[in-house]
Amino acid sequence: MTRGHQRFVVKRTNTGLGLFATEFIPAGVRLVEYTGPILPNEKVDKMRGKYFFGLNSKWSIDGSPRSNLARYCNHSCRPNAEAFVSGKRVWIWSRKNIKVGQEITFNYGEEYFDEIIKPQGCKCEKCTARPK
């Protein structure tokens, strides 16, 4: 399955769908914006969904629209990208060199990890790698 812009492709992974680089991306590059409607946290707290990105104590982005390419960035305990909040915008930046074909991942944070990922077990590359 492929979607997206020339720099990325969306493909199936062991956790669903993921965002992969189609070209070499050096460290320190702004990759993609996390987009969607901005909602008050009191509304988000009453909704079910896993694509909410907290901006601050009052607001979150509902990143569930499929047009939000950044929603396909999966969690990793050893990520190659990082999310930065700038006002009411969130940008994903490369923190390491990303090779062609490599999945773009960032750490979703302690709260998301503890509530959503940990109960099912983390399936990131670091946590599922077999010791050599």
Protein backbone atom coordinates (compact mmCIF):
# COMPACT_ATOMS: atom_id res chain seq x y z
CA MET A 1 0.00 0.00 0.00
CA THR A 2 1.45 3.35 -0.90
CA ARG A 3 0.29 6.86 -0.19
CA GLY A 4 1.89 10.18 0.38
CA HIS A 5 4.31 12.53 -1.11
CA GLN A 6 7.48 11.68 -2.98
CA ARG A 7 9.63 11.72 0.16
CA PHE A 8 7.50 9.14 1.99
CA VAL A 9 5.45 6.02 1.41
CA VAL A 10 2.88 4.44 3.73
CA LYS A 11 3.29 0.67 4.06
CA ARG A 12 2.04 -2.14 6.29
CA THR A 13 4.09 -2.87 9.43
CA ASN A 14 3.74 -5.24 12.38
CA THR A 15 1.76 -2.49 14.16
CA GLY A 16 -0.54 -1.47 11.28
CA LEU A 17 0.62 1.15 8.81
CA GLY A 18 3.88 3.07 8.96
CA LEU A 19 5.60 5.96 7.22
CA PHE A 20 8.79 5.08 5.33
CA ALA A 21 11.46 7.21 3.67
CA THR A 22 11.77 6.94 -0.12
CA GLU A 23 14.97 9.00 -0.12
CA PHE A 24 17.88 9.55 2.26
CA ILE A 25 17.00 12.11 4.94
CA PRO A 26 19.79 13.66 7.02
CA ALA A 27 19.46 14.35 10.74
CA GLY A 28 17.95 17.71 11.68
CA VAL A 29 15.40 18.00 8.85
CA ARG A 30 11.76 18.98 9.29
CA LEU A 31 9.82 16.04 7.86
CA VAL A 32 6.09 16.48 8.20
CA GLU A 33 3.48 18.39 10.19
CA TYR A 34 1.02 16.58 12.48
CA THR A 35 -2.30 18.03 11.35
CA GLY A 36 -5.98 17.85 12.19
CA PRO A 37 -8.68 19.74 14.02
CA ILE A 38 -7.63 21.41 17.28
CA LEU A 39 -9.93 20.37 20.11
CA PRO A 40 -10.21 21.33 23.78
CA ASN A 41 -8.74 18.64 26.06
CA GLU A 42 -11.99 18.32 28.00
CA LYS A 43 -13.63 17.11 24.77
CA VAL A 44 -10.68 14.84 23.91
CA ASP A 45 -10.89 13.23 27.37
CA LYS A 46 -14.46 12.09 26.54
CA MET A 47 -13.60 10.75 23.08
CA ARG A 48 -12.09 7.46 22.05
CA GLY A 49 -9.18 7.59 19.67
CA LYS A 50 -5.47 7.09 19.44
CA TYR A 51 -4.41 9.93 17.16
CA PHE A 52 -4.71 12.79 19.66
CA PHE A 53 -1.54 14.85 20.10
CA GLY A 54 -1.51 17.07 23.19
CA LEU A 55 -0.37 20.62 22.52
CA ASN A 56 -0.66 21.92 26.08
CA SER A 57 -2.93 21.63 29.13
CA LYS A 58 -5.92 23.02 27.16
CA TRP A 59 -5.64 21.83 23.54
CA SER A 60 -4.92 18.74 21.43
CA ILE A 61 -4.76 17.96 17.74
CA ASP A 62 -7.10 15.24 16.48
CA GLY A 63 -4.75 13.63 13.97
CA SER A 64 -7.20 10.96 12.82
CA PRO A 65 -7.89 12.37 9.30
CA ARG A 66 -6.09 10.21 6.72
CA SER A 67 -4.79 13.42 5.15
CA ASN A 68 -2.52 13.72 8.22
CA LEU A 69 0.56 11.93 6.89
CA ALA A 70 2.33 12.23 10.27
CA ARG A 71 -0.29 9.93 11.85
CA TYR A 72 1.53 7.05 10.16
CA CYS A 73 4.72 7.67 12.17
CA ASN A 74 4.76 4.81 14.66
CA HIS A 75 6.13 4.75 18.20
CA SER A 76 9.65 3.54 18.86
CA CYS A 77 11.65 3.27 22.07
CA ARG A 78 14.69 4.03 19.88
CA PRO A 79 13.25 6.61 17.42
CA ASN A 80 14.88 8.28 14.44
CA ALA A 81 12.59 11.33 14.59
CA GLU A 82 11.18 13.67 17.21
CA ALA A 83 8.01 15.74 17.59
CA PHE A 84 8.21 19.43 18.44
CA VAL A 85 5.25 21.56 19.47
CA SER A 86 5.35 25.13 18.18
CA GLY A 87 2.27 27.02 19.38
CA LYS A 88 -0.68 25.07 17.99
CA ARG A 89 1.42 23.21 15.41
CA VAL A 90 3.42 20.00 15.71
CA TRP A 91 6.35 19.18 13.46
CA ILE A 92 8.18 15.88 13.13
CA TRP A 93 11.95 16.31 12.65
CA SER A 94 14.61 13.71 11.88
CA ARG A 95 16.95 13.24 14.82
CA LYS A 96 19.18 10.73 13.02
CA ASN A 97 20.04 10.04 9.41
CA ILE A 98 17.17 8.07 7.90
CA LYS A 99 18.00 5.61 5.13
CA VAL A 100 15.86 4.82 2.08
CA GLY A 101 13.24 2.28 3.11
CA GLN A 102 13.60 2.98 6.84
CA GLU A 103 10.46 3.56 8.90
CA ILE A 104 10.09 7.02 10.47
CA THR A 105 9.34 6.71 14.18
CA PHE A 106 9.20 8.87 17.29
CA ASN A 107 8.68 8.23 20.99
CA TYR A 108 5.00 8.84 21.83
CA GLY A 109 5.81 9.73 25.43
CA GLU A 110 5.33 8.14 28.81
CA GLU A 111 1.57 8.72 29.22
CA TYR A 112 0.64 7.23 25.81
CA PHE A 113 3.12 4.39 26.30
CA ASP A 114 1.76 3.48 29.75
CA GLU A 115 -1.93 3.73 28.80
CA ILE A 116 -2.02 2.41 25.22
CA ILE A 117 1.18 0.56 24.28
CA LYS A 118 2.36 -1.12 27.49
CA PRO A 119 -0.83 -3.17 28.14
CA GLN A 120 -0.46 -4.82 24.68
CA GLY A 121 3.33 -4.91 24.72
CA CYS A 122 5.58 -2.63 22.70
CA LYS A 123 6.10 -3.87 19.15
CA CYS A 124 8.79 -1.41 18.10
CA GLU A 125 11.98 -2.69 16.46
CA LYS A 126 14.02 -2.21 19.65
CA CYS A 127 11.59 -4.17 21.82
CA THR A 128 10.96 -7.01 19.35
CA ALA A 129 14.56 -7.52 18.23
CA ARG A 130 15.98 -10.89 19.18
CA PRO A 131 19.26 -10.84 21.04
CA LYS A 132 22.17 -11.98 18.89
